Amino acid sequence: LLGYSEGAGIIKNLGIASGSVSGGDYVGGLCGYSYYGDIIACYNAADVSGANYVGGLCGFNAGGYIRSCYNTGNVSGNDYVGGVCGGANPGRMSACYNIGIVSSSGYAGGVCGIVMGSITACYWQYNTNGDAVLGIGKNGYSTVGTDAGTEIFAGTTLPVNDTNWVIGDGTTGQWKSLGYWYSDFAFEYPKLWWE
């Protein structure tokens, strides 16, 4: 949708319901490269593909804040591929989730491909058809990934109404519901307040 977002730009209350997005480096379902901009209460359901720094919502988050967002589309690329964001340096991310399949021949994360910022209270759905085995594919300058700040959806692992995941009307909170576990790995995933 947007190739580049800069400064005080805010992408908010926006959803991509279907389709596909493809490109080279810095590819995202909503924004390819966010430079100190915020992405709030958005979702992407389109499949996203590219080369390096590919994310379900944002290809690269440089100093911005992604919060209360989710991705359900499949995400694929060569390196630094994440379900929500391909790379974050020094960006922040909180209360986001991904249930799409993440595929990469390099670093792949269920939530983010590479992080040199902070991730808090984010969730992802593990899928054996994908390449992501951790929430974060590469943690900073190390050569390994981590699950720090992320959790895998499970029957007892769902968001709760707290300081990160807040149920509200868009002013007090960004979520309408925080998901529900039925049985036999059947989930109702969290929904945004405006859906």
N, C-alpha and C. Protein backbone atom coordinates (compact mmCIF):
# COMPACT_ATOMS: atom_id res chain seq x y z
N LEU A 1 0.83 -1.20 0.00
CA LEU A 1 0.00 0.00 0.00
C LEU A 1 0.87 1.26 0.00
N LEU A 2 1.80 1.33 0.97
CA LEU A 2 2.73 2.46 1.03
C LEU A 2 4.15 1.94 0.89
N GLY A 3 4.92 2.56 0.04
CA GLY A 3 6.31 2.16 -0.09
C GLY A 3 7.16 2.69 1.04
N TYR A 4 6.85 3.93 1.50
CA TYR A 4 7.70 4.59 2.48
C TYR A 4 6.85 5.54 3.31
N SER A 5 7.02 5.48 4.64
CA SER A 5 6.34 6.37 5.56
C SER A 5 7.38 7.00 6.47
N GLU A 6 7.33 8.34 6.61
CA GLU A 6 8.40 9.03 7.33
C GLU A 6 7.87 9.97 8.39
N GLY A 7 8.68 10.16 9.44
CA GLY A 7 8.42 11.16 10.45
C GLY A 7 7.23 10.84 11.31
N ALA A 8 6.34 11.81 11.44
CA ALA A 8 5.19 11.67 12.33
C ALA A 8 4.02 10.95 11.66
N GLY A 9 4.27 10.33 10.53
CA GLY A 9 3.20 9.63 9.83
C GLY A 9 2.63 8.48 10.64
N ILE A 10 1.31 8.37 10.65
CA ILE A 10 0.62 7.31 11.38
C ILE A 10 -0.29 6.56 10.43
N ILE A 11 -0.13 5.24 10.37
CA ILE A 11 -1.04 4.38 9.64
C ILE A 11 -1.94 3.73 10.69
N LYS A 12 -3.24 3.99 10.62
CA LYS A 12 -4.12 3.56 11.71
C LYS A 12 -5.48 3.10 11.17
N ASN A 13 -6.02 2.05 11.82
CA ASN A 13 -7.36 1.55 11.51
C ASN A 13 -7.52 1.21 10.04
N LEU A 14 -6.58 0.41 9.55
CA LEU A 14 -6.57 0.06 8.14
C LEU A 14 -6.42 -1.45 8.00
N GLY A 15 -7.17 -2.04 7.07
CA GLY A 15 -7.06 -3.47 6.85
C GLY A 15 -6.96 -3.81 5.37
N ILE A 16 -6.08 -4.75 5.03
CA ILE A 16 -5.98 -5.28 3.68
C ILE A 16 -6.62 -6.66 3.71
N ALA A 17 -7.78 -6.80 3.06
CA ALA A 17 -8.60 -7.99 3.24
C ALA A 17 -8.14 -9.19 2.41
N SER A 18 -7.48 -8.96 1.29
CA SER A 18 -7.07 -10.09 0.44
C SER A 18 -6.07 -9.59 -0.60
N GLY A 19 -5.61 -10.51 -1.45
CA GLY A 19 -4.72 -10.14 -2.54
C GLY A 19 -3.30 -10.58 -2.28
N SER A 20 -2.37 -9.91 -2.97
CA SER A 20 -0.95 -10.23 -2.80
C SER A 20 -0.12 -8.97 -3.03
N VAL A 21 1.02 -8.94 -2.36
CA VAL A 21 1.97 -7.83 -2.48
C VAL A 21 3.34 -8.45 -2.74
N SER A 22 4.04 -7.96 -3.77
CA SER A 22 5.35 -8.52 -4.06
C SER A 22 6.32 -7.41 -4.45
N GLY A 23 7.60 -7.67 -4.25
CA GLY A 23 8.61 -6.67 -4.59
C GLY A 23 9.99 -7.21 -4.34
N GLY A 24 10.95 -6.30 -4.18
CA GLY A 24 12.34 -6.68 -3.92
C GLY A 24 12.63 -6.62 -2.44
N ASP A 25 13.48 -5.66 -2.02
CA ASP A 25 13.77 -5.47 -0.60
C ASP A 25 12.75 -4.51 0.01
N TYR A 26 12.55 -4.64 1.33
CA TYR A 26 11.65 -3.76 2.08
C TYR A 26 10.22 -3.84 1.54
N VAL A 27 9.60 -4.97 1.78
CA VAL A 27 8.23 -5.20 1.30
C VAL A 27 7.34 -5.54 2.49
N GLY A 28 6.19 -4.88 2.59
CA GLY A 28 5.22 -5.17 3.64
C GLY A 28 3.81 -5.07 3.11
N GLY A 29 2.88 -5.75 3.76
CA GLY A 29 1.50 -5.70 3.34
C GLY A 29 0.91 -4.30 3.41
N LEU A 30 1.33 -3.51 4.40
CA LEU A 30 0.85 -2.13 4.54
C LEU A 30 1.91 -1.10 4.17
N CYS A 31 3.16 -1.36 4.58
CA CYS A 31 4.22 -0.37 4.37
C CYS A 31 5.56 -1.07 4.15
N GLY A 32 6.28 -0.65 3.14
CA GLY A 32 7.58 -1.25 2.88
C GLY A 32 8.64 -0.82 3.88
N TYR A 33 8.72 0.50 4.14
CA TYR A 33 9.74 1.04 5.03
C TYR A 33 9.12 2.16 5.85
N SER A 34 9.10 1.99 7.17
CA SER A 34 8.54 3.00 8.06
C SER A 34 9.67 3.65 8.85
N TYR A 35 9.89 4.93 8.60
CA TYR A 35 10.96 5.68 9.26
C TYR A 35 10.36 6.57 10.34
N TYR A 36 10.45 6.12 11.58
CA TYR A 36 9.91 6.82 12.73
C TYR A 36 8.42 7.13 12.59
N GLY A 37 7.70 6.24 11.95
CA GLY A 37 6.25 6.35 11.86
C GLY A 37 5.60 5.23 12.66
N ASP A 38 4.34 5.39 13.01
CA ASP A 38 3.62 4.41 13.80
C ASP A 38 2.57 3.68 12.95
N ILE A 39 2.37 2.41 13.27
CA ILE A 39 1.32 1.61 12.65
C ILE A 39 0.47 1.07 13.79
N ILE A 40 -0.80 1.44 13.82
CA ILE A 40 -1.67 1.17 14.97
C ILE A 40 -3.00 0.58 14.50
N ALA A 41 -3.42 -0.51 15.14
CA ALA A 41 -4.73 -1.11 14.93
C ALA A 41 -4.99 -1.41 13.45
N CYS A 42 -4.06 -2.10 12.82
CA CYS A 42 -4.17 -2.48 11.41
C CYS A 42 -4.04 -3.98 11.25
N TYR A 43 -4.50 -4.48 10.10
CA TYR A 43 -4.26 -5.89 9.81
C TYR A 43 -3.99 -6.09 8.33
N ASN A 44 -3.35 -7.21 8.03
CA ASN A 44 -3.09 -7.60 6.64
C ASN A 44 -3.46 -9.06 6.46
N ALA A 45 -4.22 -9.35 5.40
CA ALA A 45 -4.57 -10.73 5.05
C ALA A 45 -4.03 -11.11 3.68
N ALA A 46 -3.31 -10.21 3.03
CA ALA A 46 -2.73 -10.50 1.71
C ALA A 46 -1.43 -11.28 1.88
N ASP A 47 -1.10 -12.11 0.90
CA ASP A 47 0.20 -12.78 0.89
C ASP A 47 1.27 -11.77 0.46
N VAL A 48 2.42 -11.82 1.13
CA VAL A 48 3.50 -10.86 0.87
C VAL A 48 4.77 -11.62 0.52
N SER A 49 5.43 -11.20 -0.56
CA SER A 49 6.67 -11.85 -0.97
C SER A 49 7.68 -10.82 -1.43
N GLY A 50 8.96 -11.12 -1.24
CA GLY A 50 10.01 -10.21 -1.64
C GLY A 50 11.37 -10.86 -1.48
N ALA A 51 12.40 -10.04 -1.37
CA ALA A 51 13.77 -10.55 -1.23
C ALA A 51 14.20 -10.47 0.24
N ASN A 52 14.67 -9.29 0.68
CA ASN A 52 15.15 -9.11 2.05
C ASN A 52 14.31 -8.07 2.78
N TYR A 53 14.12 -8.28 4.07
CA TYR A 53 13.27 -7.42 4.90
C TYR A 53 11.84 -7.43 4.38
N VAL A 54 11.19 -8.54 4.63
CA VAL A 54 9.81 -8.74 4.18
C VAL A 54 8.95 -9.05 5.40
N GLY A 55 7.85 -8.32 5.56
CA GLY A 55 6.97 -8.53 6.71
C GLY A 55 5.52 -8.51 6.33
N GLY A 56 4.70 -9.16 7.12
CA GLY A 56 3.26 -9.18 6.86
C GLY A 56 2.66 -7.80 6.85
N LEU A 57 3.08 -6.94 7.79
CA LEU A 57 2.59 -5.57 7.83
C LEU A 57 3.62 -4.57 7.33
N CYS A 58 4.87 -4.73 7.79
CA CYS A 58 5.91 -3.74 7.47
C CYS A 58 7.21 -4.45 7.12
N GLY A 59 7.86 -4.01 6.05
CA GLY A 59 9.14 -4.61 5.69
C GLY A 59 10.23 -4.25 6.66
N PHE A 60 10.36 -2.97 6.99
CA PHE A 60 11.40 -2.52 7.93
C PHE A 60 10.86 -1.37 8.76
N ASN A 61 11.00 -1.51 10.07
CA ASN A 61 10.54 -0.50 11.02
C ASN A 61 11.75 0.19 11.63
N ALA A 62 12.05 1.40 11.15
CA ALA A 62 13.22 2.15 11.62
C ALA A 62 12.79 3.21 12.62
N GLY A 63 12.72 2.83 13.88
CA GLY A 63 12.43 3.80 14.93
C GLY A 63 10.97 4.05 15.20
N GLY A 64 10.08 3.39 14.52
CA GLY A 64 8.66 3.58 14.74
C GLY A 64 8.09 2.61 15.76
N TYR A 65 6.78 2.63 15.89
CA TYR A 65 6.09 1.80 16.87
C TYR A 65 4.93 1.10 16.18
N ILE A 66 4.98 -0.22 16.15
CA ILE A 66 3.88 -1.02 15.61
C ILE A 66 3.15 -1.64 16.78
N ARG A 67 1.89 -1.34 16.94
CA ARG A 67 1.15 -1.90 18.08
C ARG A 67 -0.29 -2.22 17.69
N SER A 68 -0.79 -3.25 18.35
CA SER A 68 -2.17 -3.69 18.16
C SER A 68 -2.46 -3.95 16.68
N CYS A 69 -1.64 -4.78 16.05
CA CYS A 69 -1.80 -5.12 14.65
C CYS A 69 -1.68 -6.64 14.48
N TYR A 70 -2.18 -7.14 13.33
CA TYR A 70 -2.00 -8.57 13.09
C TYR A 70 -1.92 -8.88 11.61
N ASN A 71 -1.36 -10.06 11.33
CA ASN A 71 -1.22 -10.55 9.97
C ASN A 71 -1.73 -11.98 9.88
N THR A 72 -2.49 -12.26 8.80
CA THR A 72 -2.94 -13.63 8.54
C THR A 72 -2.44 -14.15 7.20
N GLY A 73 -1.83 -13.31 6.39
CA GLY A 73 -1.32 -13.72 5.08
C GLY A 73 0.01 -14.45 5.19
N ASN A 74 0.34 -15.23 4.19
CA ASN A 74 1.63 -15.91 4.15
C ASN A 74 2.72 -14.93 3.72
N VAL A 75 3.91 -15.07 4.30
CA VAL A 75 5.02 -14.14 4.05
C VAL A 75 6.25 -14.94 3.63
N SER A 76 6.87 -14.54 2.53
CA SER A 76 8.03 -15.28 2.04
C SER A 76 9.09 -14.34 1.49
N GLY A 77 10.35 -14.75 1.62
CA GLY A 77 11.46 -13.96 1.11
C GLY A 77 12.77 -14.68 1.29
N ASN A 78 13.86 -13.99 0.98
CA ASN A 78 15.19 -14.59 1.08
C ASN A 78 15.77 -14.50 2.49
N ASP A 79 15.72 -13.31 3.08
CA ASP A 79 16.35 -13.12 4.38
C ASP A 79 15.63 -12.03 5.17
N TYR A 80 15.65 -12.17 6.49
CA TYR A 80 14.98 -11.24 7.40
C TYR A 80 13.50 -11.13 7.04
N VAL A 81 12.81 -12.22 7.28
CA VAL A 81 11.39 -12.33 6.96
C VAL A 81 10.61 -12.57 8.24
N GLY A 82 9.57 -11.78 8.48
CA GLY A 82 8.78 -11.93 9.70
C GLY A 82 7.29 -11.85 9.45
N GLY A 83 6.54 -12.49 10.32
CA GLY A 83 5.09 -12.50 10.17
C GLY A 83 4.47 -11.12 10.28
N VAL A 84 5.01 -10.28 11.15
CA VAL A 84 4.51 -8.91 11.30
C VAL A 84 5.46 -7.92 10.66
N CYS A 85 6.76 -8.05 10.94
CA CYS A 85 7.75 -7.09 10.45
C CYS A 85 9.03 -7.83 10.04
N GLY A 86 9.60 -7.43 8.91
CA GLY A 86 10.83 -8.07 8.47
C GLY A 86 12.02 -7.71 9.35
N GLY A 87 12.17 -6.42 9.66
CA GLY A 87 13.27 -5.97 10.50
C GLY A 87 12.87 -4.76 11.32
N ALA A 88 13.44 -4.64 12.52
CA ALA A 88 13.16 -3.50 13.39
C ALA A 88 14.47 -3.00 13.98
N ASN A 89 14.86 -1.77 13.64
CA ASN A 89 16.08 -1.17 14.16
C ASN A 89 15.97 0.34 14.12
N PRO A 90 15.72 0.99 15.25
CA PRO A 90 15.50 0.47 16.60
C PRO A 90 14.01 0.44 16.95
N GLY A 91 13.17 -0.01 16.07
CA GLY A 91 11.73 0.06 16.26
C GLY A 91 11.19 -0.76 17.41
N ARG A 92 9.96 -0.41 17.80
CA ARG A 92 9.26 -1.13 18.87
C ARG A 92 8.03 -1.82 18.30
N MET A 93 7.61 -2.87 19.00
CA MET A 93 6.43 -3.60 18.60
C MET A 93 5.77 -4.19 19.84
N SER A 94 4.45 -4.04 19.96
CA SER A 94 3.76 -4.65 21.09
C SER A 94 2.34 -5.02 20.70
N ALA A 95 1.81 -6.05 21.39
CA ALA A 95 0.44 -6.51 21.22
C ALA A 95 0.09 -6.76 19.76
N CYS A 96 0.97 -7.47 19.06
CA CYS A 96 0.74 -7.84 17.67
C CYS A 96 0.73 -9.37 17.55
N TYR A 97 0.16 -9.87 16.46
CA TYR A 97 0.25 -11.32 16.25
C TYR A 97 0.26 -11.66 14.77
N ASN A 98 0.75 -12.88 14.51
CA ASN A 98 0.80 -13.41 13.15
C ASN A 98 0.35 -14.87 13.16
N ILE A 99 -0.51 -15.23 12.20
CA ILE A 99 -0.89 -16.63 12.03
C ILE A 99 -0.59 -17.12 10.62
N GLY A 100 0.04 -16.29 9.80
CA GLY A 100 0.43 -16.69 8.45
C GLY A 100 1.70 -17.52 8.46
N ILE A 101 1.93 -18.26 7.38
CA ILE A 101 3.13 -19.07 7.24
C ILE A 101 4.30 -18.17 6.81
N VAL A 102 5.43 -18.30 7.50
CA VAL A 102 6.61 -17.50 7.21
C VAL A 102 7.67 -18.41 6.58
N SER A 103 8.11 -18.06 5.37
CA SER A 103 9.08 -18.89 4.63
C SER A 103 10.28 -18.05 4.22
N SER A 104 11.49 -18.59 4.48
CA SER A 104 12.71 -17.87 4.13
C SER A 104 13.87 -18.84 4.09
N SER A 105 14.82 -18.58 3.18
CA SER A 105 16.04 -19.37 3.16
C SER A 105 17.07 -18.81 4.13
N GLY A 106 16.77 -17.65 4.71
CA GLY A 106 17.66 -17.03 5.69
C GLY A 106 16.99 -16.96 7.05
N TYR A 107 17.08 -15.80 7.72
CA TYR A 107 16.49 -15.63 9.03
C TYR A 107 14.99 -15.39 8.90
N ALA A 108 14.22 -16.20 9.63
CA ALA A 108 12.76 -16.09 9.62
C ALA A 108 12.24 -16.10 11.04
N GLY A 109 11.29 -15.21 11.33
CA GLY A 109 10.68 -15.16 12.65
C GLY A 109 9.17 -15.16 12.55
N GLY A 110 8.52 -15.85 13.46
CA GLY A 110 7.06 -15.85 13.47
C GLY A 110 6.48 -14.46 13.62
N VAL A 111 7.21 -13.58 14.32
CA VAL A 111 6.78 -12.18 14.50
C VAL A 111 7.68 -11.24 13.71
N CYS A 112 9.01 -11.37 13.86
CA CYS A 112 9.94 -10.45 13.20
C CYS A 112 11.20 -11.18 12.76
N GLY A 113 11.73 -10.81 11.59
CA GLY A 113 12.91 -11.47 11.05
C GLY A 113 14.18 -11.13 11.81
N ILE A 114 14.41 -9.85 12.09
CA ILE A 114 15.58 -9.41 12.87
C ILE A 114 15.16 -8.22 13.72
N VAL A 115 15.60 -8.22 14.98
CA VAL A 115 15.21 -7.16 15.90
C VAL A 115 16.44 -6.55 16.56
N MET A 116 16.55 -5.22 16.46
CA MET A 116 17.52 -4.46 17.24
C MET A 116 16.78 -3.39 18.03
N GLY A 117 15.53 -3.67 18.30
CA GLY A 117 14.69 -2.79 19.09
C GLY A 117 14.05 -3.60 20.20
N SER A 118 12.75 -3.40 20.42
CA SER A 118 12.07 -4.13 21.49
C SER A 118 10.75 -4.71 21.00
N ILE A 119 10.45 -5.91 21.46
CA ILE A 119 9.18 -6.56 21.17
C ILE A 119 8.58 -6.99 22.49
N THR A 120 7.29 -6.68 22.68
CA THR A 120 6.61 -6.98 23.92
C THR A 120 5.24 -7.58 23.63
N ALA A 121 4.94 -8.69 24.28
CA ALA A 121 3.61 -9.29 24.28
C ALA A 121 3.06 -9.54 22.88
N CYS A 122 3.87 -10.14 22.02
CA CYS A 122 3.43 -10.50 20.68
C CYS A 122 3.27 -12.01 20.57
N TYR A 123 2.40 -12.45 19.67
CA TYR A 123 2.07 -13.86 19.53
C TYR A 123 2.21 -14.30 18.08
N TRP A 124 2.38 -15.61 17.90
CA TRP A 124 2.46 -16.16 16.55
C TRP A 124 2.01 -17.61 16.58
N GLN A 125 1.62 -18.08 15.40
CA GLN A 125 1.15 -19.46 15.26
C GLN A 125 2.21 -20.29 14.54
N TYR A 126 2.77 -21.27 15.24
CA TYR A 126 3.77 -22.13 14.62
C TYR A 126 3.12 -22.98 13.53
N ASN A 127 3.80 -23.13 12.40
CA ASN A 127 3.31 -23.94 11.30
C ASN A 127 4.45 -24.76 10.73
N THR A 128 4.27 -26.07 10.65
CA THR A 128 5.33 -26.95 10.17
C THR A 128 5.66 -26.74 8.70
N ASN A 129 4.77 -26.06 7.95
CA ASN A 129 5.03 -25.78 6.54
C ASN A 129 5.94 -24.57 6.34
N GLY A 130 6.19 -23.83 7.40
CA GLY A 130 7.02 -22.64 7.29
C GLY A 130 8.43 -22.88 7.82
N ASP A 131 9.25 -21.82 7.80
CA ASP A 131 10.63 -21.90 8.24
C ASP A 131 10.87 -21.22 9.59
N ALA A 132 9.86 -20.56 10.13
CA ALA A 132 10.01 -19.88 11.42
C ALA A 132 9.88 -20.89 12.56
N VAL A 133 10.90 -20.96 13.40
CA VAL A 133 10.85 -21.83 14.57
C VAL A 133 10.94 -21.02 15.87
N LEU A 134 11.18 -19.72 15.74
CA LEU A 134 11.22 -18.81 16.87
C LEU A 134 10.44 -17.55 16.53
N GLY A 135 10.05 -16.82 17.55
CA GLY A 135 9.31 -15.58 17.31
C GLY A 135 10.14 -14.53 16.60
N ILE A 136 11.45 -14.50 16.91
CA ILE A 136 12.38 -13.55 16.29
C ILE A 136 13.49 -14.36 15.62
N GLY A 137 13.68 -14.15 14.31
CA GLY A 137 14.66 -14.94 13.58
C GLY A 137 16.10 -14.67 13.95
N LYS A 138 16.44 -13.38 14.15
CA LYS A 138 17.81 -12.99 14.52
C LYS A 138 17.72 -11.88 15.55
N ASN A 139 18.39 -12.09 16.67
CA ASN A 139 18.30 -11.14 17.77
C ASN A 139 19.53 -10.24 17.78
N GLY A 140 19.35 -9.03 17.27
CA GLY A 140 20.44 -8.07 17.25
C GLY A 140 21.63 -8.53 16.45
N TYR A 141 22.83 -8.38 17.03
CA TYR A 141 24.06 -8.73 16.32
C TYR A 141 24.45 -10.20 16.51
N SER A 142 23.64 -10.94 17.26
CA SER A 142 23.94 -12.36 17.44
C SER A 142 23.59 -13.11 16.16
N THR A 143 23.92 -14.37 16.13
CA THR A 143 23.60 -15.18 14.95
C THR A 143 22.43 -16.12 15.22
N VAL A 144 21.77 -15.92 16.36
CA VAL A 144 20.67 -16.81 16.71
C VAL A 144 19.40 -16.00 16.97
N GLY A 145 18.29 -16.69 16.94
CA GLY A 145 17.01 -16.07 17.21
C GLY A 145 16.62 -16.22 18.67
N THR A 146 15.40 -15.77 18.97
CA THR A 146 14.92 -15.83 20.34
C THR A 146 13.39 -15.79 20.34
N ASP A 147 12.82 -16.20 21.45
CA ASP A 147 11.38 -16.06 21.65
C ASP A 147 11.07 -14.90 22.60
N ALA A 148 12.08 -14.14 22.99
CA ALA A 148 11.89 -13.05 23.95
C ALA A 148 10.83 -12.07 23.46
N GLY A 149 9.85 -11.81 24.27
CA GLY A 149 8.78 -10.87 23.91
C GLY A 149 7.71 -11.47 23.05
N THR A 150 7.83 -12.76 22.71
CA THR A 150 6.83 -13.42 21.87
C THR A 150 6.39 -14.73 22.51
N GLU A 151 5.21 -15.18 22.13
CA GLU A 151 4.69 -16.46 22.58
C GLU A 151 3.94 -17.12 21.44
N ILE A 152 3.91 -18.45 21.46
CA ILE A 152 3.15 -19.20 20.47
C ILE A 152 1.73 -19.38 20.98
N PHE A 153 0.75 -19.13 20.10
CA PHE A 153 -0.64 -19.35 20.48
C PHE A 153 -0.84 -20.80 20.92
N ALA A 154 -1.53 -21.00 22.01
CA ALA A 154 -1.88 -22.33 22.48
C ALA A 154 -3.12 -22.21 23.36
N GLY A 155 -3.63 -23.34 23.80
CA GLY A 155 -4.87 -23.33 24.57
C GLY A 155 -4.79 -22.49 25.83
N THR A 156 -3.63 -22.50 26.45
CA THR A 156 -3.46 -21.71 27.67
C THR A 156 -2.63 -20.45 27.42
N THR A 157 -2.27 -20.21 26.17
CA THR A 157 -1.45 -19.05 25.85
C THR A 157 -2.18 -18.14 24.88
N LEU A 158 -3.00 -17.29 25.44
CA LEU A 158 -3.75 -16.29 24.69
C LEU A 158 -3.56 -14.94 25.36
N PRO A 159 -3.72 -13.85 24.62
CA PRO A 159 -3.59 -12.54 25.26
C PRO A 159 -4.62 -12.34 26.37
N VAL A 160 -4.26 -11.52 27.34
CA VAL A 160 -5.19 -11.13 28.39
C VAL A 160 -5.28 -9.60 28.41
N ASN A 161 -6.40 -9.11 28.89
CA ASN A 161 -6.63 -7.67 28.95
C ASN A 161 -5.70 -7.06 30.00
N ASP A 162 -4.62 -6.41 29.52
CA ASP A 162 -3.64 -5.81 30.43
C ASP A 162 -3.13 -4.51 29.83
N THR A 163 -1.96 -4.07 30.23
CA THR A 163 -1.46 -2.78 29.74
C THR A 163 -1.08 -2.82 28.26
N ASN A 164 -0.83 -4.02 27.70
CA ASN A 164 -0.49 -4.13 26.28
C ASN A 164 -1.72 -4.43 25.43
N TRP A 165 -2.43 -5.47 25.81
CA TRP A 165 -3.64 -5.89 25.10
C TRP A 165 -4.84 -5.29 25.82
N VAL A 166 -5.37 -4.20 25.27
CA VAL A 166 -6.43 -3.47 25.96
C VAL A 166 -7.70 -3.51 25.11
N ILE A 167 -8.78 -4.01 25.69
CA ILE A 167 -10.09 -3.99 25.03
C ILE A 167 -10.66 -2.59 25.16
N GLY A 168 -11.15 -2.05 24.04
CA GLY A 168 -11.70 -0.69 24.09
C GLY A 168 -12.34 -0.29 22.78
N ASP A 169 -12.53 1.00 22.62
CA ASP A 169 -13.25 1.55 21.47
C ASP A 169 -12.35 2.34 20.52
N GLY A 170 -11.06 2.11 20.60
CA GLY A 170 -10.14 2.83 19.74
C GLY A 170 -9.47 4.00 20.43
N THR A 171 -10.03 4.45 21.53
CA THR A 171 -9.38 5.51 22.32
C THR A 171 -8.81 4.93 23.60
N THR A 172 -9.59 4.11 24.28
CA THR A 172 -9.10 3.47 25.51
C THR A 172 -8.34 2.19 25.23
N GLY A 173 -8.61 1.56 24.11
CA GLY A 173 -7.95 0.32 23.73
C GLY A 173 -8.24 0.01 22.28
N GLN A 174 -7.47 -0.89 21.68
CA GLN A 174 -7.58 -1.15 20.24
C GLN A 174 -8.22 -2.51 19.90
N TRP A 175 -8.57 -3.31 20.91
CA TRP A 175 -9.07 -4.66 20.64
C TRP A 175 -10.53 -4.81 21.02
N LYS A 176 -11.28 -5.51 20.17
CA LYS A 176 -12.67 -5.85 20.46
C LYS A 176 -12.75 -7.14 21.26
N SER A 177 -11.90 -8.09 20.90
CA SER A 177 -11.83 -9.37 21.61
C SER A 177 -10.39 -9.86 21.57
N LEU A 178 -10.04 -10.71 22.52
CA LEU A 178 -8.66 -11.18 22.63
C LEU A 178 -8.51 -12.66 22.29
N GLY A 179 -9.50 -13.23 21.64
CA GLY A 179 -9.38 -14.60 21.19
C GLY A 179 -9.99 -15.60 22.15
N TYR A 180 -10.19 -16.79 21.65
CA TYR A 180 -10.83 -17.85 22.43
C TYR A 180 -10.36 -19.20 21.96
N TRP A 181 -10.12 -20.11 22.90
CA TRP A 181 -9.72 -21.48 22.60
C TRP A 181 -10.95 -22.37 22.64
N TYR A 182 -11.24 -23.04 21.54
CA TYR A 182 -12.38 -23.96 21.53
C TYR A 182 -11.92 -25.34 21.96
N SER A 183 -11.29 -26.07 21.08
CA SER A 183 -10.73 -27.39 21.37
C SER A 183 -10.08 -27.89 20.09
N ASP A 184 -9.28 -28.94 20.21
CA ASP A 184 -8.65 -29.54 19.03
C ASP A 184 -7.93 -28.51 18.17
N PHE A 185 -7.21 -27.60 18.83
CA PHE A 185 -6.42 -26.57 18.15
C PHE A 185 -7.27 -25.60 17.33
N ALA A 186 -8.51 -25.41 17.73
CA ALA A 186 -9.39 -24.45 17.05
C ALA A 186 -9.40 -23.14 17.83
N PHE A 187 -9.03 -22.07 17.16
CA PHE A 187 -8.95 -20.76 17.81
C PHE A 187 -9.92 -19.77 17.18
N GLU A 188 -10.36 -18.85 17.98
CA GLU A 188 -10.90 -17.59 17.46
C GLU A 188 -9.85 -16.56 17.83
N TYR A 189 -9.23 -15.95 16.85
CA TYR A 189 -8.11 -15.06 17.11
C TYR A 189 -8.61 -13.66 17.46
N PRO A 190 -7.78 -12.84 18.14
CA PRO A 190 -8.18 -11.49 18.52
C PRO A 190 -8.63 -10.65 17.33
N LYS A 191 -9.58 -9.77 17.57
CA LYS A 191 -10.12 -8.87 16.57
C LYS A 191 -9.98 -7.43 17.04
N LEU A 192 -9.73 -6.53 16.07
CA LEU A 192 -9.59 -5.11 16.38
C LEU A 192 -10.94 -4.46 16.66
N TRP A 193 -10.93 -3.36 17.37
CA TRP A 193 -12.16 -2.72 17.82
C TRP A 193 -13.07 -2.31 16.66
N TRP A 194 -12.50 -1.98 15.52
CA TRP A 194 -13.31 -1.44 14.42
C TRP A 194 -13.79 -2.52 13.45
N GLU A 195 -13.39 -3.78 13.65
CA GLU A 195 -13.81 -4.85 12.72
C GLU A 195 -15.26 -5.26 12.99
